[in-house]
Each structure stands twice: as structure tokens, then as C-alpha cells.
Amino acid sequence: MRWRLLWALCACCWGCAWGKTLRGGFVSAAARLQPWRPLARFQFHGDHAVLCVRINNVAVAVTKEARLHLFQAQEWLKLQNSIQDHSCTEKFSKAQLTMTVNHTEQNLTVSQIPYPETWYVFYVDKFTCEENYSETEDIQFEMVLLNPDAEGNPLDHFSAGESGLHEFFFLLVLAYFLTACIYAQSLWQTIKKRGPMHTVLKVLSTALLLQAGSAFANYLHFSSYSKDGIGVPFMGTLAELCDIVSQIQMLYLLLSLCMGWTIGRMKKSHSRPLQWDSTPASTGIAVVVVVTQSLLLIWEQFEDTNHHSYHSHHGLASGLLIGLRVCLALSLAAGLYQIITVERSTLKREFYITFAKACILWFLCHPCLATVSVIFREYQREKIITIGVILCQSISMVILYRLFLSHSLYWEVSSLSSVTLPLTVPSGHKNRHHF
């Protein structure tokens, strides 16, 4: 009996986490054990949102007096935090919407919603709030939660917080594909020459490929999700995994460059800026920070099981992750500032300034967007954070690519000539300076 209850609770959690088409069983024992655990969570919007329920045993549902109670998230939170001691029955009686489950298929229209908001769905029957309980047959069900589409028909499986992400990932995958068609061959030729920036470009390319793989996996998941409300959970997990590994790669790259240069530049002369020069100290620092971030990212995924690479930061792991990124941004900015202030070459200073901007953008975009998103409504926060962080980190990678490719080309040309060649000066600079 205990294992059966655990399985039922896990099934409810699985449905709530992975999609908006839920299949399983209405279990009286599970509802009685944890009556305040919602069966589903959805952000309805518009005037024609629908909750559709199909069951296969009407007689059992009628006997058990099965019903579904819908609460607005804010009202449910107020009820839970109320000073008054409401009984189980009184709490469920305050539901904004109630549907008695007594037909093979039933629809409940959720209308007159001024703006999108989160709703919780609870299963309740005559045993939920009673002390006496006799084991009965479960009610197998399929629940579909739908929002109105562009034409006003209730056919959209996406909640308000997920709408638009499918199109965004399609455009992102298209942008990655076009960029690869244009630059992949020249980049591959540069990496094959094994120049001074060979390791940097290789690690940066790996991180970018992982980010593109994450976008493609998300697109596949949302494409399937738009049709059945379930999607491909494996693809959602794969997208999160690719994104985590990509962040780890980028963190190790930036730390190795900054720490290796900062620690080693006092011991020997560097004729080239920010080469991959790993010392035991810089490698140790990079490994410790990378492992810390990896553990926090994995912890964050366990705290929030919804498929989002970037979360709204309600848990401890998310807060620690934000703090770590802010500290890293400040420490790297301080180290680069010391290098820039003592550097005499104008072009080297410009190199370090550009690199510092890319680092700060990569590290601080997530904390800044998470902070700014607080002023928006709940259904907008995940989209603002997800889209904003992906775009900002992509821009940061593009800046680093241009920076290292231009300097790789410069050192390749200068190594073939005994004459000191000038670097390409950005537009607006009339004088040329030499390293």
C-alpha cells in the first residue's frame, strides 16, 4: 500500500513537471495523504481557456463524488497563509472554480481573465477530508489544459509563461545554421593551423556547439509539445545538460585565460595577450570554481523540475548561483583593470577592454535579468530570463570570436614577417600602434 501511494504521488508530480497533457489515476489515498499537493499547474490566459478531463469509469467517479477544484495561485497562497484555521473542507470550498467529474468527457471553461495568471488544479473526493477511508478503485484519467490560439480557439498547449519560446528557439536554430554555413569552413581552417589561439578557439567552438545543440533540443521538445502537450522529455533534459556543459566550458575558458595571465605575467614576460597559459595555481582555481558552479547547476535542476535552462530563482541553489556569478564578474573585472592600467600599448588596452566587456556581459547578464524580471508579472519572468540570457551570452561569444580570430590572424602574419606589422585598427582610430 505504501509503495502504491508513493507511485501515485510520483505520477502526479511527473505529469505536472513534464507537460500539459496529464495521464494517470485519481487515487483517493494519495489525495487524502497530501490534499494540498496540486495535480496540475497552468497559466491560463484569454476568455476561452479550457480544462478538458476524460475518465474511463464514470460509476466509480460518481460513487466517490470525484471533483476538481481550481484555485488562482495568489488566492491559494493567501488561504494557506491565513491566520484563520480553516478546515480541509472549508479550504476546498473557497475554490474559484469547481468541476464535478461525472461524465466520460467534460470541459471547464476558464474565462474573464484580465491578464495571465497561474492556476492550481486539485483532485478531491468524499474521502479526501474524512478520517474514515476504505480502499476503492482508482479513476484512470486524461487531463488536457488548453489556452486559446491566435484565432481564439482553445487548441494551444502552451501556458502563458511558455508561449513564444517555440518560435524563439526556431529562429535561434536558424541563426546558428546560417552562421555555421558562412563561417564554419574558415574557422575550421584557422583551428587546423594550430596557431597561438588554437586552444582558445577550440574550447570556444565546443561551448558554442553545445549551446546550439541545446537550442536544437529545445526546439524539438517544444515542436512535439505544441501538438500533444507532452513533448519529448528526453530532449528537454538533453537541452538542459548541453547548456550546463556549455556554461562549464565557458567558465573554464574565461578563468583559465584571466587567471593564467594574471598569475603568470609577474614571473615572465608575455609578448602576446591572454594566451592559454595554465599554471598549477590558475588551473586549481579554475577547477574549484567550475566544480562549484556545476554542483549548483545540478542542485538548481532538482529544485525546479520544469524544463528551463534559466530559472526565476526561488530556491537557495539559484541564489547561490547568482552570487557566484556576480563575485566572478567582479574579481575578473578587478584583475583585468589592473592589467589595463599598466599597459602602455593602445591596441593591447583595447584588446583587454573588449575581452573584459565580453566577460562581464557573459557573467552578469543572468543576475541582471533575474533582478529586472522581478518588476514583471510571473508569466513573463521565465521568458525574459531565458531569451535575454541566451541572446546576451551569444553576443558575448561572438565578441570573443571576433577578438581571438583577429589576433590569431595578426600573430600568424607577424610570424611570417621580420617587420613589425600593425594590427587592424578599428574605425575611428587614425594612428596605428604596435605591440
Foldseek 3Di string as FASTA:
>chain_A
DVVVLVVQVVLLVCQQFFFQKHWDWDFLVNCQVPVPDFSHKFWEDAFFKKKKKAWDDLPQLVVQQKKKFKAFPVVLVCVVPPPDDDAPVRSSVPGPDMGGRRDRMDMDGDGDDPGITMMTMTMDTPSNRDPDDDGDDIIIMIIHTFYADPVGHGQFRHGLLCPPLLVVLVVVLVVVVVVCVVCVVVLVVLLVVVFQCNVVSVLLVLLVVLQSLLSVLVNQQVVQCRHPGRGDVVSLVSSLVSNLVSVLSVLLSLQQQLVQCLVCCVPDPDPDHRTRRGDPVSNVVSVVLSVLLSVLQVVVCVVRVHRANADLDPDPSSVVNLVSLVVVLVVSLVSLVVVLVPDDWPVVNVLSVLLNVLSNLLSCQQVVLSVVLVVPDPSHNRVSNRSRNSVSNVVSSVSVVVSSVQVSVLVVVCVVDPDFDFGDDDPPDPDTTGD
